[in-house]
Amino acid sequence: MESDSQPPSASSHSSDWFANFVGTVIALITLALPLLAIAHYSPSQGTTWQSPPYPMQNITNNQP
């Protein structure tokens, strides 16, 4: 560190605090928003597999 450098001023310290706060808020939103979207759009109860309305053909035994 240079000997002629001056310590940061009080206004610089407050802007650093504000920048850290804004960065933290953005990080929390970035982490929480996908989880909230998944929770909102996913079904509330597990869905069960239903058979399709058309008959499935057996692939291994295709006999005419």
C-alpha atoms as a PDB file:
ATOM      1  CA  MET A   1       0.000   0.000   0.000  1.00  0.00           C
ATOM      2  CA  GLU A   2       1.337   3.432  -0.844  1.00  0.00           C
ATOM      3  CA  SER A   3       2.167   5.735   2.021  1.00  0.00           C
ATOM      4  CA  ASP A   4       0.521   8.763   0.397  1.00  0.00           C
ATOM      5  CA  SER A   5      -2.847   7.049  -0.141  1.00  0.00           C
ATOM      6  CA  GLN A   6      -5.721   8.434   1.848  1.00  0.00           C
ATOM      7  CA  PRO A   7      -8.274   6.380   3.783  1.00  0.00           C
ATOM      8  CA  PRO A   8     -11.719   6.081   2.212  1.00  0.00           C
ATOM      9  CA  SER A   9     -14.070   8.921   2.992  1.00  0.00           C
ATOM     10  CA  ALA A  10     -17.305   8.515   4.948  1.00  0.00           C
ATOM     11  CA  SER A  11     -19.435   8.905   1.810  1.00  0.00           C
ATOM     12  CA  SER A  12     -17.451   6.130   0.121  1.00  0.00           C
ATOM     13  CA  HIS A  13     -18.088   3.872   3.099  1.00  0.00           C
ATOM     14  CA  SER A  14     -21.841   4.498   2.987  1.00  0.00           C
ATOM     15  CA  SER A  15     -21.996   3.854  -0.744  1.00  0.00           C
ATOM     16  CA  ASP A  16     -20.046   0.607  -0.234  1.00  0.00           C
ATOM     17  CA  TRP A  17     -22.591  -0.476   2.368  1.00  0.00           C
ATOM     18  CA  PHE A  18     -25.463   0.388   0.025  1.00  0.00           C
ATOM     19  CA  ALA A  19     -23.844  -1.476  -2.874  1.00  0.00           C
ATOM     20  CA  ASN A  20     -23.331  -4.547  -0.670  1.00  0.00           C
ATOM     21  CA  PHE A  21     -26.943  -4.372   0.479  1.00  0.00           C
ATOM     22  CA  VAL A  22     -28.278  -4.105  -3.091  1.00  0.00           C
ATOM     23  CA  GLY A  23     -26.035  -6.969  -4.188  1.00  0.00           C
ATOM     24  CA  THR A  24     -27.297  -9.133  -1.352  1.00  0.00           C
ATOM     25  CA  VAL A  25     -30.924  -8.373  -2.216  1.00  0.00           C
ATOM     26  CA  ILE A  26     -30.322  -9.228  -5.876  1.00  0.00           C
ATOM     27  CA  ALA A  27     -28.601 -12.482  -4.887  1.00  0.00           C
ATOM     28  CA  LEU A  28     -31.478 -13.488  -2.614  1.00  0.00           C
ATOM     29  CA  ILE A  29     -34.045 -12.716  -5.301  1.00  0.00           C
ATOM     30  CA  THR A  30     -32.010 -14.698  -7.827  1.00  0.00           C
ATOM     31  CA  LEU A  31     -31.982 -17.707  -5.520  1.00  0.00           C
ATOM     32  CA  ALA A  32     -35.576 -17.462  -4.291  1.00  0.00           C
ATOM     33  CA  LEU A  33     -37.425 -16.597  -7.491  1.00  0.00           C
ATOM     34  CA  PRO A  34     -36.868 -19.930  -9.291  1.00  0.00           C
ATOM     35  CA  LEU A  35     -37.927 -21.851  -6.178  1.00  0.00           C
ATOM     36  CA  LEU A  36     -41.071 -19.774  -5.837  1.00  0.00           C
ATOM     37  CA  ALA A  37     -41.890 -20.220  -9.537  1.00  0.00           C
ATOM     38  CA  ILE A  38     -41.430 -23.995  -9.314  1.00  0.00           C
ATOM     39  CA  ALA A  39     -43.577 -24.167  -6.187  1.00  0.00           C
ATOM     40  CA  HIS A  40     -46.277 -22.042  -7.794  1.00  0.00           C
ATOM     41  CA  TYR A  41     -46.526 -23.922 -11.089  1.00  0.00           C
ATOM     42  CA  SER A  42     -46.011 -27.476  -9.835  1.00  0.00           C
ATOM     43  CA  PRO A  43     -49.092 -29.504  -8.923  1.00  0.00           C
ATOM     44  CA  SER A  44     -49.928 -29.509  -5.237  1.00  0.00           C
ATOM     45  CA  GLN A  45     -50.214 -33.285  -5.118  1.00  0.00           C
ATOM     46  CA  GLY A  46     -48.187 -35.852  -6.978  1.00  0.00           C
ATOM     47  CA  THR A  47     -49.728 -36.867 -10.259  1.00  0.00           C
ATOM     48  CA  THR A  48     -50.158 -40.527 -11.015  1.00  0.00           C
ATOM     49  CA  TRP A  49     -49.341 -42.020 -14.371  1.00  0.00           C
ATOM     50  CA  GLN A  50     -52.408 -42.626 -16.469  1.00  0.00           C
ATOM     51  CA  SER A  51     -52.575 -44.954 -19.414  1.00  0.00           C
ATOM     52  CA  PRO A  52     -53.078 -43.235 -22.759  1.00  0.00           C
ATOM     53  CA  PRO A  53     -56.582 -43.258 -24.276  1.00  0.00           C
ATOM     54  CA  TYR A  54     -55.340 -45.244 -27.282  1.00  0.00           C
ATOM     55  CA  PRO A  55     -54.058 -48.856 -27.192  1.00  0.00           C
ATOM     56  CA  MET A  56     -50.314 -49.286 -26.971  1.00  0.00           C
ATOM     57  CA  GLN A  57     -48.707 -51.817 -29.278  1.00  0.00           C
ATOM     58  CA  ASN A  58     -46.176 -54.261 -27.959  1.00  0.00           C
ATOM     59  CA  ILE A  59     -42.937 -53.385 -29.748  1.00  0.00           C
ATOM     60  CA  THR A  60     -41.185 -56.720 -29.155  1.00  0.00           C
ATOM     61  CA  ASN A  61     -43.963 -58.961 -30.501  1.00  0.00           C
ATOM     62  CA  ASN A  62     -45.204 -57.332 -33.697  1.00  0.00           C
ATOM     63  CA  GLN A  63     -47.011 -60.249 -35.259  1.00  0.00           C
ATOM     64  CA  PRO A  64     -49.421 -59.529 -38.113  1.00  0.00           C
END
